[in-house]
């Protein structure tokens, strides 16, 4: 699978033709030049992977890439040049809002306006307008989740309104190329924002309409390699994260159901049923098909809404994805019965196997690995038949190679208790030796304060910005889950806000028990950037030696975060085979 999308890939795609009125199943392009990493990955699926699938093996599923059109990078170049946008785009003084508004005021190249209007006239299904930049999805240059995606309902009565909303969404994605978070992250990868170019994917959303909402019953991320295997699972068994509704839940690090595809009936390691009730998904994302929202073209979620499980039950979608909690017996029953709380365990599919989704995912992961030549991460969405579950539509949204280091590093169990070890864990992501870290950034609070989580994220961003500018990699120690959208369970940072960290430690507190959000873009970036990742329990055998860190020279300190400088680099050893790691002074 190529690291960079090129012009040659256009030879295998269909040029957009506005004379056609049926774009169902078509993978077309507008313009010329490059189609970007994300579109290149989808083209690769179309040409090299789907043709190798035997449809007879899974007759209950229609597996394909949702209908899409790619606006190639020459359109982006013309848009930038014709509207004189480079100055405000490249300026370090420009805010996201200033850039976004400037792009909204600009005009798209006139030669492609007719094509976009033809799309707006002919297609009435919800659309996802997605980034596909030159830098995205390369094996060692992870850009997952850095740029914008905008969902639009595309159901306005008149074509003029549909066309206007589509154009606004495209301009938003273009503007996101130059947002502060993107510029910061590009710098950490050693790339230059001046070399970045943006293609845009306009793609049909997989799902069904339920009242004023449109969403898939299942969205997910599947990985063929799992750095946090539990129970009987092995790293090579992989891991799958499932959620109700649009995939934004998983991508943003929200609550989802994680399981090993080799053992689909085994639940994640929650400490109790009560803990499971608190930490499983209770809200979902959908496209808003109802009353038009307040006009806000620079807001990514302008046309999105959230729903709760009561709404999902009214929509009739929980029968395939939920279990029912019986308080009197303190147990979960597969399916929805009585009045007990609903829990998104996906047990009707994973335990009963009536819908062979897990077998399909295992087959796809194996096939993707063979074709790509690397461990892979796959994003998908599933629309089930509302009555019977099948026939079902499986939307193949993305495939990315994962970087899995093969360096041999041995960390025997005895090393975890060595005298010079500051941090040790048997749940470590990554593999290899790191000896370039002399800066440490850690949270000062011992009792995590949910109300302070956004301020902590801001503090981390400021320190990260300075250390990235100085070229200093650092160790980051936090409480709870990084990248979460649920502040009670961790710090709601985006990847770009901590992108300079070379080693990350997640520590738990007595009242905080969270599972890592392995399916998110956050973790794709961690893996691809070869960041060492430690998970440390407050009640485990190997406590963090906080006194040592607190005794080091302070560089910067806020109410919640401290940055210290060490006299000598730390020595980090990570054994990817055993998932053991140590950080030594």
Protein backbone atom coordinates (compact mmCIF):
# COMPACT_ATOMS: atom_id res chain seq x y z
CA UNK A 1 0.00 0.00 0.00
CA UNK A 2 1.60 3.32 -1.04
CA UNK A 3 2.55 5.91 1.56
CA UNK A 4 1.50 8.84 -0.57
CA UNK A 5 -1.42 9.31 -2.95
CA UNK A 6 -0.39 10.18 -6.52
CA UNK A 7 -1.74 11.04 -9.91
CA UNK A 8 -1.43 7.47 -11.10
CA UNK A 9 -4.29 6.43 -8.84
CA UNK A 10 -6.70 8.51 -10.96
CA UNK A 11 -6.28 6.05 -13.82
CA UNK A 12 -8.29 3.50 -11.87
CA UNK A 13 -11.11 5.87 -10.90
CA UNK A 14 -14.09 7.22 -12.82
CA UNK A 15 -14.08 10.87 -13.91
CA UNK A 16 -17.14 12.66 -12.58
CA UNK A 17 -19.78 13.19 -15.27
CA UNK A 18 -22.58 15.59 -14.36
CA UNK A 19 -24.73 14.14 -17.15
CA UNK A 20 -25.30 10.99 -15.10
CA UNK A 21 -28.09 11.11 -12.55
CA UNK A 22 -27.37 7.80 -10.78
CA UNK A 23 -24.13 7.88 -8.80
CA UNK A 24 -24.93 4.74 -6.77
CA UNK A 25 -21.80 2.70 -6.10
CA UNK A 26 -19.58 5.06 -8.09
CA UNK A 27 -16.06 6.08 -6.99
CA UNK A 28 -15.39 9.18 -9.06
CA UNK A 29 -13.13 12.22 -9.03
CA UNK A 30 -13.29 15.90 -9.91
CA UNK A 31 -10.15 17.74 -11.04
CA UNK A 32 -6.67 16.31 -11.44
CA UNK A 33 -3.45 15.86 -9.51
CA UNK A 34 -3.47 14.05 -6.17
CA UNK A 35 -6.39 12.50 -4.28
CA UNK A 36 -4.73 12.30 -0.85
CA UNK A 37 -3.94 9.49 1.53
CA UNK A 38 -7.45 8.70 2.71
CA UNK A 39 -8.90 8.48 -0.81
CA UNK A 40 -5.87 6.49 -1.93
CA UNK A 41 -6.60 3.96 0.81
CA UNK A 42 -10.20 3.63 -0.35
CA UNK A 43 -9.09 3.28 -3.97
CA UNK A 44 -6.74 0.54 -2.80
CA UNK A 45 -9.63 -1.26 -1.09
CA UNK A 46 -11.73 -1.01 -4.21
CA UNK A 47 -9.07 -2.27 -6.63
CA UNK A 48 -7.02 -4.71 -4.57
CA UNK A 49 -9.17 -5.99 -1.73
CA UNK A 50 -12.92 -6.13 -2.37
CA UNK A 51 -12.36 -8.04 -5.60
CA UNK A 52 -10.72 -10.81 -3.58
CA UNK A 53 -13.68 -11.27 -1.26
CA UNK A 54 -15.95 -14.22 -1.82
CA UNK A 55 -19.47 -12.86 -1.48
CA UNK A 56 -20.83 -16.37 -0.98
CA UNK A 57 -18.99 -16.62 2.34
CA UNK A 58 -21.13 -13.83 3.82
CA UNK A 59 -24.42 -13.77 1.89
CA UNK A 60 -26.13 -11.73 4.63
CA UNK A 61 -23.87 -8.73 4.00
CA UNK A 62 -23.34 -6.34 1.15
CA UNK A 63 -19.74 -5.18 1.59
CA UNK A 64 -18.62 -2.13 -0.33
CA UNK A 65 -17.20 1.38 -0.17
CA UNK A 66 -20.01 3.94 0.13
CA UNK A 67 -20.58 6.02 -3.00
CA UNK A 68 -18.04 8.83 -3.12
CA UNK A 69 -16.54 11.61 -5.19
CA UNK A 70 -13.06 13.04 -4.58
CA UNK A 71 -12.11 16.64 -5.32
CA UNK A 72 -8.42 16.38 -6.22
CA UNK A 73 -5.75 18.74 -4.96
CA UNK A 74 -5.66 20.96 -8.06
CA UNK A 75 -9.08 22.27 -6.97
CA UNK A 76 -7.60 23.14 -3.58
CA UNK A 77 -4.64 24.90 -5.21
CA UNK A 78 -6.93 26.95 -7.45
CA UNK A 79 -9.19 27.84 -4.51
CA UNK A 80 -6.24 29.05 -2.42
CA UNK A 81 -4.65 31.02 -5.25
CA UNK A 82 -7.78 32.63 -6.70
CA UNK A 83 -8.89 33.89 -3.28
CA UNK A 84 -5.46 34.99 -2.00
CA UNK A 85 -5.79 32.81 1.10
CA UNK A 86 -2.18 31.81 1.67
CA UNK A 87 -1.27 34.78 3.86
CA UNK A 88 -4.03 34.27 6.44
CA UNK A 89 -3.68 30.48 6.20
CA UNK A 90 0.04 30.39 6.95
CA UNK A 91 0.04 33.16 9.56
CA UNK A 92 0.76 32.03 13.12
CA UNK A 93 -1.36 34.95 14.32
CA UNK A 94 -4.55 33.79 12.58
CA UNK A 95 -7.12 32.08 14.82
CA UNK A 96 -9.16 29.10 13.67
CA UNK A 97 -12.24 31.31 13.52
CA UNK A 98 -10.52 33.94 11.38
CA UNK A 99 -9.28 31.31 8.96
CA UNK A 100 -12.64 29.54 8.81
CA UNK A 101 -14.55 32.77 8.13
CA UNK A 102 -12.07 33.83 5.44
CA UNK A 103 -12.50 30.49 3.68
CA UNK A 104 -16.30 30.72 3.90
CA UNK A 105 -16.21 34.14 2.21
CA UNK A 106 -14.08 32.77 -0.63
CA UNK A 107 -15.40 31.27 -3.87
CA UNK A 108 -14.75 27.80 -5.23
CA UNK A 109 -13.20 27.59 -8.72
CA UNK A 110 -16.02 28.20 -11.25
CA UNK A 111 -15.10 25.20 -13.42
CA UNK A 112 -16.10 22.70 -10.68
CA UNK A 113 -19.23 24.45 -9.40
CA UNK A 114 -21.40 22.72 -11.99
CA UNK A 115 -20.17 19.30 -10.91
CA UNK A 116 -20.93 20.00 -7.27
CA UNK A 117 -24.37 21.29 -8.16
CA UNK A 118 -25.03 18.08 -10.10
CA UNK A 119 -24.19 16.15 -6.93
CA UNK A 120 -26.54 18.30 -4.89
CA UNK A 121 -29.37 17.85 -7.42
CA UNK A 122 -28.98 14.08 -7.79
CA UNK A 123 -28.18 12.85 -4.29
CA UNK A 124 -30.57 13.25 -1.36
CA UNK A 125 -28.87 10.97 1.19
CA UNK A 126 -26.75 12.39 4.05
CA UNK A 127 -23.16 13.06 3.09
CA UNK A 128 -19.83 13.01 4.92
CA UNK A 129 -17.41 15.65 3.65
CA UNK A 130 -14.00 14.33 4.70
CA UNK A 131 -10.38 15.40 4.44
CA UNK A 132 -7.89 13.48 2.31
CA UNK A 133 -4.60 15.34 2.50
CA UNK A 134 -1.22 14.37 1.09
CA UNK A 135 0.08 13.66 4.59
CA UNK A 136 -2.84 11.55 5.82
CA UNK A 137 -2.54 7.83 6.47
CA UNK A 138 1.10 7.36 5.51
CA UNK A 139 2.65 4.55 7.54
CA UNK A 140 5.06 6.67 9.58
CA UNK A 141 3.29 10.03 9.25
CA UNK A 142 0.00 9.53 11.10
CA UNK A 143 -2.56 12.28 10.57
CA UNK A 144 -5.68 10.45 11.69
CA UNK A 145 -8.24 12.86 13.12
CA UNK A 146 -6.11 15.97 12.58
CA UNK A 147 -8.31 17.59 9.95
CA UNK A 148 -12.04 18.31 9.81
CA UNK A 149 -14.97 16.15 8.74
CA UNK A 150 -18.45 17.58 8.32
CA UNK A 151 -21.66 15.58 8.15
CA UNK A 152 -24.56 17.19 6.28
CA UNK A 153 -28.17 15.97 5.99
CA UNK A 154 -28.47 16.87 2.28
CA UNK A 155 -32.25 16.70 2.63
CA UNK A 156 -33.23 20.30 2.04
CA UNK A 157 -36.21 20.59 -0.27
CA UNK A 158 -34.51 22.74 -2.89
CA UNK A 159 -31.27 22.03 -4.71
CA UNK A 160 -29.95 25.53 -4.03
CA UNK A 161 -29.94 24.92 -0.28
CA UNK A 162 -28.34 21.48 -0.64
CA UNK A 163 -25.66 22.97 -2.87
CA UNK A 164 -24.96 25.83 -0.45
CA UNK A 165 -24.53 23.49 2.53
CA UNK A 166 -22.25 21.16 0.53
CA UNK A 167 -20.03 24.06 -0.53
CA UNK A 168 -19.84 25.35 3.06
CA UNK A 169 -18.77 21.90 4.26
CA UNK A 170 -16.01 21.67 1.62
CA UNK A 171 -14.70 25.10 2.60
CA UNK A 172 -14.69 24.04 6.26
CA UNK A 173 -12.51 21.00 5.45
CA UNK A 174 -10.17 23.19 3.39
CA UNK A 175 -9.88 25.64 6.30
CA UNK A 176 -9.10 22.85 8.77
CA UNK A 177 -5.83 22.27 6.87
CA UNK A 178 -4.54 25.43 8.54
CA UNK A 179 -6.19 25.32 11.96
CA UNK A 180 -3.83 25.71 14.90
CA UNK A 181 -3.99 22.05 15.88
CA UNK A 182 -3.09 20.94 12.36
CA UNK A 183 -0.15 23.36 12.09
CA UNK A 184 1.17 22.26 15.49
CA UNK A 185 0.95 18.60 14.61
CA UNK A 186 2.52 19.03 11.17
CA UNK A 187 5.51 20.62 12.87
CA UNK A 188 5.99 17.64 15.20
CA UNK A 189 6.19 15.28 12.21
CA UNK A 190 8.96 17.28 10.59
CA UNK A 191 6.70 18.27 7.70
CA UNK A 192 5.90 21.77 6.48
CA UNK A 193 2.38 23.17 6.24
CA UNK A 194 3.43 24.87 2.98
CA UNK A 195 3.84 21.42 1.42
CA UNK A 196 0.45 20.13 2.52
CA UNK A 197 -2.38 19.92 -0.02
CA UNK A 198 -5.97 18.94 0.62
CA UNK A 199 -8.22 16.72 -1.44
CA UNK A 200 -11.82 16.38 -0.23
CA UNK A 201 -14.00 13.28 -0.18
CA UNK A 202 -17.77 13.70 -0.55
CA UNK A 203 -19.19 10.36 0.57
CA UNK A 204 -22.55 8.84 1.29
CA UNK A 205 -23.18 8.19 5.00
CA UNK A 206 -23.96 4.55 5.84
CA UNK A 207 -27.06 4.26 7.99
CA UNK A 208 -30.83 4.48 8.15
CA UNK A 209 -33.27 7.24 8.98
CA UNK A 210 -35.08 7.03 12.31
CA UNK A 211 -37.42 9.98 12.68
CA UNK A 212 -35.31 13.14 12.63
CA UNK A 213 -32.02 11.23 12.97
CA UNK A 214 -29.88 9.26 10.51
CA UNK A 215 -27.26 6.84 11.78
CA UNK A 216 -25.87 3.29 11.49
CA UNK A 217 -26.84 0.78 14.15
CA UNK A 218 -23.15 -0.13 14.42
CA UNK A 219 -19.94 1.75 13.75
CA UNK A 220 -16.55 0.40 14.57
CA UNK A 221 -12.78 0.24 14.35
CA UNK A 222 -11.02 -3.11 13.98
CA UNK A 223 -7.31 -3.69 14.48
CA UNK A 224 -5.40 -6.80 13.54
CA UNK A 225 -2.90 -6.25 16.37
CA UNK A 226 -3.79 -5.49 20.00
CA UNK A 227 -1.22 -4.00 22.33
CA UNK A 228 -3.55 -4.49 25.31
CA UNK A 229 -4.66 -8.07 24.97
CA UNK A 230 -6.55 -9.36 28.02
CA UNK A 231 -7.82 -12.75 29.12
CA UNK A 232 -7.07 -15.48 26.61
CA UNK A 233 -6.45 -13.01 23.80
CA UNK A 234 -3.05 -12.63 22.18
CA UNK A 235 -1.74 -9.44 20.53
CA UNK A 236 -2.06 -11.07 17.11
CA UNK A 237 -5.76 -11.78 17.75
CA UNK A 238 -6.49 -8.07 17.33
CA UNK A 239 -9.17 -5.92 18.91
CA UNK A 240 -12.50 -4.47 17.77
CA UNK A 241 -14.36 -1.45 19.13
CA UNK A 242 -18.09 -1.12 18.48
CA UNK A 243 -20.47 1.77 19.08
CA UNK A 244 -24.05 2.70 18.35
CA UNK A 245 -24.47 5.56 15.88
CA UNK A 246 -21.87 7.45 13.90
CA UNK A 247 -18.20 6.59 14.37
CA UNK A 248 -17.45 9.96 15.95
CA UNK A 249 -18.02 8.26 19.32
CA UNK A 250 -15.02 5.97 18.80
CA UNK A 251 -12.86 8.42 16.88
CA UNK A 252 -13.16 11.01 19.66
CA UNK A 253 -12.23 8.50 22.35
CA UNK A 254 -15.74 8.12 23.77
CA UNK A 255 -17.23 5.02 25.39
CA UNK A 256 -17.37 1.95 23.18
CA UNK A 257 -17.43 -1.85 23.52
CA UNK A 258 -13.98 -3.43 23.08
CA UNK A 259 -13.54 -7.15 22.52
CA UNK A 260 -11.17 -9.70 21.06
CA UNK A 261 -12.52 -11.15 17.80
CA UNK A 262 -11.17 -14.60 18.73
CA UNK A 263 -13.27 -14.51 21.93
CA UNK A 264 -16.34 -12.40 21.06
CA UNK A 265 -18.37 -13.62 24.05
CA UNK A 266 -15.78 -12.38 26.56
CA UNK A 267 -16.65 -8.97 28.02
CA UNK A 268 -14.01 -6.29 28.64
CA UNK A 269 -12.43 -6.56 32.11
CA UNK A 270 -14.82 -4.38 34.09
CA UNK A 271 -14.44 -4.88 37.83
CA UNK A 272 -18.20 -5.26 38.36
CA UNK A 273 -21.55 -5.06 36.62
CA UNK A 274 -22.06 -1.67 38.24
CA UNK A 275 -18.79 -0.50 36.75
CA UNK A 276 -19.94 -1.72 33.34
CA UNK A 277 -23.16 0.28 33.63
CA UNK A 278 -21.15 3.43 34.27
CA UNK A 279 -18.56 2.95 31.55
CA UNK A 280 -20.49 1.65 28.57
CA UNK A 281 -21.96 3.91 25.90
CA UNK A 282 -25.10 5.85 26.85
CA UNK A 283 -25.22 8.47 24.07
CA UNK A 284 -24.72 8.29 20.32
CA UNK A 285 -24.12 10.65 17.40
CA UNK A 286 -26.46 11.03 14.43
CA UNK A 287 -27.01 13.31 11.46
CA UNK A 288 -29.78 15.83 12.13
CA UNK A 289 -32.54 15.29 9.55
CA UNK A 290 -35.10 17.48 11.29
CA UNK A 291 -35.37 21.19 11.92
CA UNK A 292 -32.45 23.19 10.57
CA UNK A 293 -29.98 24.17 13.31
CA UNK A 294 -28.69 27.66 13.99
CA UNK A 295 -26.55 28.73 11.05
CA UNK A 296 -22.90 28.07 11.90
CA UNK A 297 -20.84 26.93 8.90
CA UNK A 298 -17.56 26.93 10.84
CA UNK A 299 -18.85 24.45 13.42
CA UNK A 300 -17.90 20.85 12.65
CA UNK A 301 -21.02 19.39 14.32
CA UNK A 302 -23.44 21.96 12.88
CA UNK A 303 -25.68 19.24 11.41
CA UNK A 304 -25.12 16.56 14.04
CA UNK A 305 -27.13 15.68 17.14
CA UNK A 306 -26.78 13.28 20.05
CA UNK A 307 -29.36 10.83 21.31
CA UNK A 308 -29.64 8.60 24.38
CA UNK A 309 -30.53 4.95 24.79
CA UNK A 310 -34.19 5.74 25.43
CA UNK A 311 -34.36 7.40 22.01
CA UNK A 312 -32.51 4.48 20.44
CA UNK A 313 -35.04 2.07 21.93
CA UNK A 314 -37.87 4.17 20.54
CA UNK A 315 -36.12 3.97 17.17
CA UNK A 316 -36.19 0.18 17.48
CA UNK A 317 -32.45 -0.41 17.14
CA UNK A 318 -31.48 -1.85 20.55
CA UNK A 319 -32.74 -5.36 19.89
CA UNK A 320 -29.53 -6.19 18.03
CA UNK A 321 -26.98 -4.39 20.20
CA UNK A 322 -28.15 -4.23 23.84
CA UNK A 323 -28.50 -6.33 26.96
CA UNK A 324 -30.79 -5.71 29.93
CA UNK A 325 -29.61 -5.38 33.52
CA UNK A 326 -31.68 -7.17 36.18
CA UNK A 327 -30.96 -5.35 39.48
CA UNK A 328 -32.67 -8.00 41.59
CA UNK A 329 -30.30 -10.68 40.28
CA UNK A 330 -27.34 -8.38 39.52
CA UNK A 331 -26.94 -9.89 36.07
CA UNK A 332 -27.15 -9.01 32.39
CA UNK A 333 -29.62 -10.71 30.04
CA UNK A 334 -28.90 -10.68 26.31
CA UNK A 335 -31.50 -8.60 24.48
CA UNK A 336 -34.08 -6.10 25.72
CA UNK A 337 -36.60 -7.34 28.28
CA UNK A 338 -38.77 -5.66 30.89
CA UNK A 339 -37.88 -2.29 32.34
CA UNK A 340 -34.27 -2.85 33.39
CA UNK A 341 -31.46 -0.51 32.27
CA UNK A 342 -30.17 -1.16 28.76
CA UNK A 343 -26.46 -1.79 28.31
CA UNK A 344 -24.69 -1.63 24.93
CA UNK A 345 -22.83 -4.95 24.96
CA UNK A 346 -23.63 -6.01 21.36
CA UNK A 347 -24.28 -9.45 22.88
CA UNK A 348 -27.19 -10.32 20.53
CA UNK A 349 -24.62 -10.28 17.72
CA UNK A 350 -21.41 -11.33 19.49
CA UNK A 351 -22.79 -14.00 21.83
CA UNK A 352 -25.68 -15.44 19.85
CA UNK A 353 -24.04 -15.07 16.46
CA UNK A 354 -27.32 -14.67 14.59
CA UNK A 355 -25.70 -11.89 12.56
CA UNK A 356 -22.19 -13.10 11.54
CA UNK A 357 -20.55 -9.69 11.85
CA UNK A 358 -17.59 -10.93 13.89
CA UNK A 359 -16.74 -13.63 11.35
CA UNK A 360 -16.87 -11.03 8.59
CA UNK A 361 -14.54 -8.71 10.52
CA UNK A 362 -12.05 -11.50 11.21
CA UNK A 363 -12.02 -12.40 7.52
CA UNK A 364 -11.57 -8.77 6.48
CA UNK A 365 -8.70 -8.18 8.91
CA UNK A 366 -6.87 -11.25 7.64
CA UNK A 367 -7.42 -10.27 4.02
CA UNK A 368 -6.35 -6.67 4.65
CA UNK A 369 -3.12 -7.81 6.31
CA UNK A 370 -2.32 -10.07 3.35
CA UNK A 371 -2.96 -7.35 0.79
CA UNK A 372 -1.45 -4.39 2.68
CA UNK A 373 1.55 -6.30 4.01
CA UNK A 374 1.24 -4.76 7.49
CA UNK A 375 -0.97 -5.00 10.52
CA UNK A 376 -4.01 -2.85 9.78
CA UNK A 377 -6.72 -0.69 11.25
CA UNK A 378 -10.14 -0.69 9.56
CA UNK A 379 -13.01 1.76 10.05
CA UNK A 380 -16.51 0.61 9.15
CA UNK A 381 -20.24 1.24 9.60
CA UNK A 382 -23.11 -1.25 9.46
CA UNK A 383 -26.76 -0.64 8.60
CA UNK A 384 -28.89 -3.59 9.74
CA UNK A 385 -32.32 -4.54 8.51
CA UNK A 386 -34.64 -2.91 11.10
CA UNK A 387 -36.78 -6.03 11.49
CA UNK A 388 -34.49 -9.01 11.12
CA UNK A 389 -30.98 -7.62 11.29
CA UNK A 390 -30.09 -9.09 7.89
CA UNK A 391 -29.63 -8.47 5.08
CA UNK A 392 -27.14 -5.88 6.29
CA UNK A 393 -24.97 -3.29 4.58
CA UNK A 394 -21.31 -3.11 5.59
CA UNK A 395 -19.65 0.19 4.67
CA UNK A 396 -15.87 -0.07 4.35
CA UNK A 397 -14.80 3.46 5.35
CA UNK A 398 -11.03 3.24 5.68
CA UNK A 399 -8.02 0.98 6.02
CA UNK A 400 -4.71 2.15 7.46
CA UNK A 401 -1.45 0.28 8.04
CA UNK A 402 -0.30 0.05 11.66
CA UNK A 403 3.32 0.34 12.67
CA UNK A 404 4.33 -2.61 14.87
CA UNK A 405 7.98 -2.54 15.87
CA UNK A 406 9.85 -5.84 15.59
CA UNK A 407 12.91 -4.82 17.64
CA UNK A 408 13.78 -7.40 20.28
CA UNK A 409 13.71 -5.90 23.79
CA UNK A 410 13.57 -8.15 26.83
CA UNK A 411 12.07 -6.83 30.07
CA UNK A 412 12.02 -9.74 32.56
CA UNK A 413 9.46 -9.56 35.33
CA UNK A 414 12.21 -9.06 37.92
CA UNK A 415 13.28 -5.82 36.19
CA UNK A 416 9.98 -4.19 37.08
CA UNK A 417 11.02 -4.04 40.73
CA UNK A 418 14.63 -2.93 40.21
CA UNK A 419 15.85 -0.15 42.49
CA UNK A 420 16.41 2.42 39.72
CA UNK A 421 12.96 1.90 38.14
CA UNK A 422 10.70 4.93 38.47
CA UNK A 423 7.69 3.57 36.57
CA UNK A 424 6.91 -0.02 35.64
CA UNK A 425 3.91 -1.70 34.06
CA UNK A 426 2.75 -4.96 32.54
CA UNK A 427 0.35 -3.06 30.27
CA UNK A 428 2.57 -1.17 27.87
CA UNK A 429 2.03 -0.18 24.27
CA UNK A 430 4.96 -0.09 21.86
CA UNK A 431 8.32 -1.75 21.58
CA UNK A 432 11.93 -0.60 21.78
CA UNK A 433 14.39 1.61 23.66
CA UNK A 434 14.03 5.35 24.26
CA UNK A 435 16.87 7.37 25.80
CA UNK A 436 16.26 10.93 24.54
CA UNK A 437 13.86 12.23 27.19
CA UNK A 438 15.01 14.78 29.76
CA UNK A 439 11.73 16.68 30.20
CA UNK A 440 8.81 15.39 32.28
CA UNK A 441 5.31 16.89 32.37
CA UNK A 442 2.91 15.56 35.00
CA UNK A 443 -0.35 16.35 36.74
CA UNK A 444 0.00 17.67 40.28
CA UNK A 445 -3.47 16.75 41.49
CA UNK A 446 -3.90 13.54 43.44
CA UNK A 447 -7.70 13.71 43.51
CA UNK A 448 -8.83 14.17 39.93
CA UNK A 449 -11.12 17.15 39.49
CA UNK A 450 -13.49 16.79 36.55
CA UNK A 451 -14.16 20.53 36.50
CA UNK A 452 -10.46 21.19 35.96
CA UNK A 453 -10.05 18.76 33.04
CA UNK A 454 -10.44 21.38 30.30
CA UNK A 455 -8.00 23.73 32.03
CA UNK A 456 -5.54 20.86 32.36
CA UNK A 457 -5.86 20.23 28.61
CA UNK A 458 -5.10 23.91 27.97
CA UNK A 459 -2.06 23.82 30.29
CA UNK A 460 -0.73 20.72 28.54
CA UNK A 461 -1.20 22.36 25.16
CA UNK A 462 0.86 25.40 26.16
CA UNK A 463 3.74 23.30 27.50
CA UNK A 464 3.61 20.98 24.50
CA UNK A 465 3.76 23.95 22.12
CA UNK A 466 6.93 25.24 23.76
CA UNK A 467 8.69 21.87 23.97
CA UNK A 468 7.87 21.07 20.34
CA UNK A 469 9.28 24.44 19.28
CA UNK A 470 12.48 23.67 21.25
CA UNK A 471 12.72 20.16 19.81
CA UNK A 472 12.53 18.48 23.23
CA UNK A 473 10.61 15.17 23.47
CA UNK A 474 9.09 14.57 26.90
CA UNK A 475 7.48 12.09 29.27
CA UNK A 476 3.83 12.87 30.06
CA UNK A 477 2.15 11.44 33.18
CA UNK A 478 -1.61 11.92 33.57
CA UNK A 479 -4.58 10.49 35.42
CA UNK A 480 -7.31 8.66 33.52
CA UNK A 481 -7.83 8.37 29.78
CA UNK A 482 -6.25 10.82 27.38
CA UNK A 483 -8.32 12.01 24.44
CA UNK A 484 -11.63 11.14 26.08
CA UNK A 485 -14.80 13.13 25.46
CA UNK A 486 -15.99 12.23 28.98
CA UNK A 487 -14.08 14.54 31.39
CA UNK A 488 -14.89 12.44 34.49
CA UNK A 489 -12.72 9.69 33.01
CA UNK A 490 -9.66 11.66 31.98
CA UNK A 491 -8.27 14.62 30.04
CA UNK A 492 -10.13 15.77 26.89
CA UNK A 493 -7.03 16.60 24.85
CA UNK A 494 -6.66 16.23 21.11
CA UNK A 495 -3.55 14.53 19.81
CA UNK A 496 -2.00 17.78 18.58
CA UNK A 497 -2.09 19.17 22.14
CA UNK A 498 0.39 16.53 23.39
CA UNK A 499 2.04 15.56 20.11
CA UNK A 500 5.56 16.16 21.41
CA UNK A 501 5.31 13.46 24.08
CA UNK A 502 7.62 10.53 23.37
CA UNK A 503 6.42 8.48 26.35
CA UNK A 504 2.95 8.68 27.93
CA UNK A 505 1.84 7.21 31.25
CA UNK A 506 -1.83 6.87 32.17
CA UNK A 507 -2.24 6.41 35.93
CA UNK A 508 -5.50 5.54 37.61
CA UNK A 509 -6.90 6.79 40.92
CA UNK A 510 -8.92 4.86 43.53
CA UNK A 511 -12.22 6.16 42.12
CA UNK A 512 -11.19 6.05 38.47
CA UNK A 513 -11.24 2.76 36.58
CA UNK A 514 -11.22 3.25 32.83
CA UNK A 515 -10.35 1.16 29.80
CA UNK A 516 -8.13 2.70 27.15
CA UNK A 517 -9.96 3.88 24.02
CA UNK A 518 -7.94 1.73 21.65
CA UNK A 519 -10.18 2.30 18.65
CA UNK A 520 -9.75 6.04 18.45
CA UNK A 521 -7.66 8.14 16.10
CA UNK A 522 -5.78 9.16 19.23
CA UNK A 523 -4.38 5.67 19.61
CA UNK A 524 -3.69 5.29 15.91
CA UNK A 525 -1.42 8.33 16.18
CA UNK A 526 0.25 6.96 19.33
CA UNK A 527 1.06 3.67 17.61
CA UNK A 528 2.18 5.13 14.30
CA UNK A 529 4.37 7.75 16.01
CA UNK A 530 6.00 4.96 18.07
CA UNK A 531 5.14 6.61 21.36
CA UNK A 532 5.75 4.48 24.45
CA UNK A 533 2.47 4.11 26.34
CA UNK A 534 2.23 2.87 29.95
CA UNK A 535 -0.93 2.06 31.90
CA UNK A 536 -0.38 2.08 35.68
CA UNK A 537 -3.02 1.15 38.25
CA UNK A 538 -3.03 2.88 41.64
CA UNK A 539 -3.52 -0.52 43.31
CA UNK A 540 -0.98 -2.43 41.21
CA UNK A 541 2.34 -3.97 42.25
CA UNK A 542 4.42 -1.20 40.73
CA UNK A 543 3.53 2.29 42.05
CA UNK A 544 4.98 5.39 40.44
CA UNK A 545 7.85 6.93 42.43
CA UNK A 546 6.25 10.34 42.66
CA UNK A 547 8.74 11.66 45.23
CA UNK A 548 11.57 11.36 42.70
CA UNK A 549 9.72 13.32 40.01
CA UNK A 550 8.59 16.00 42.46
CA UNK A 551 12.18 16.54 43.61
CA UNK A 552 13.43 17.49 40.12
CA UNK A 553 14.09 21.02 38.87
CA UNK A 554 10.86 22.82 38.00
CA UNK A 555 10.73 24.67 34.67
CA UNK A 556 7.04 25.59 34.53
CA UNK A 557 4.20 25.14 36.98
CA UNK A 558 0.46 25.85 36.86
CA UNK A 559 -2.28 25.05 39.35
CA UNK A 560 -2.57 21.55 37.87
CA UNK A 561 0.54 20.74 35.80
CA UNK A 562 4.28 20.75 36.47
CA UNK A 563 7.14 20.59 33.94
CA UNK A 564 10.53 19.47 35.29
CA UNK A 565 13.95 19.15 33.63
CA UNK A 566 16.22 16.17 34.43
CA UNK A 567 19.99 16.20 34.75
CA UNK A 568 20.27 13.09 32.58
CA UNK A 569 17.94 11.37 30.09
CA UNK A 570 15.55 8.68 31.27
CA UNK A 571 16.08 5.12 30.07
CA UNK A 572 12.86 3.62 28.73
CA UNK A 573 12.62 -0.07 27.82
CA UNK A 574 9.45 -1.55 26.29
CA UNK A 575 9.06 -5.24 25.53
CA UNK A 576 6.26 -5.40 22.97
CA UNK A 577 6.06 -9.20 23.13
CA UNK A 578 5.35 -9.36 26.86
CA UNK A 579 3.76 -5.87 27.11
CA UNK A 580 6.15 -5.07 29.97
CA UNK A 581 8.02 -1.81 30.28
CA UNK A 582 10.21 0.19 32.67
CA UNK A 583 11.31 3.79 32.96
CA UNK A 584 14.66 4.12 34.75
CA UNK A 585 16.49 7.11 36.18
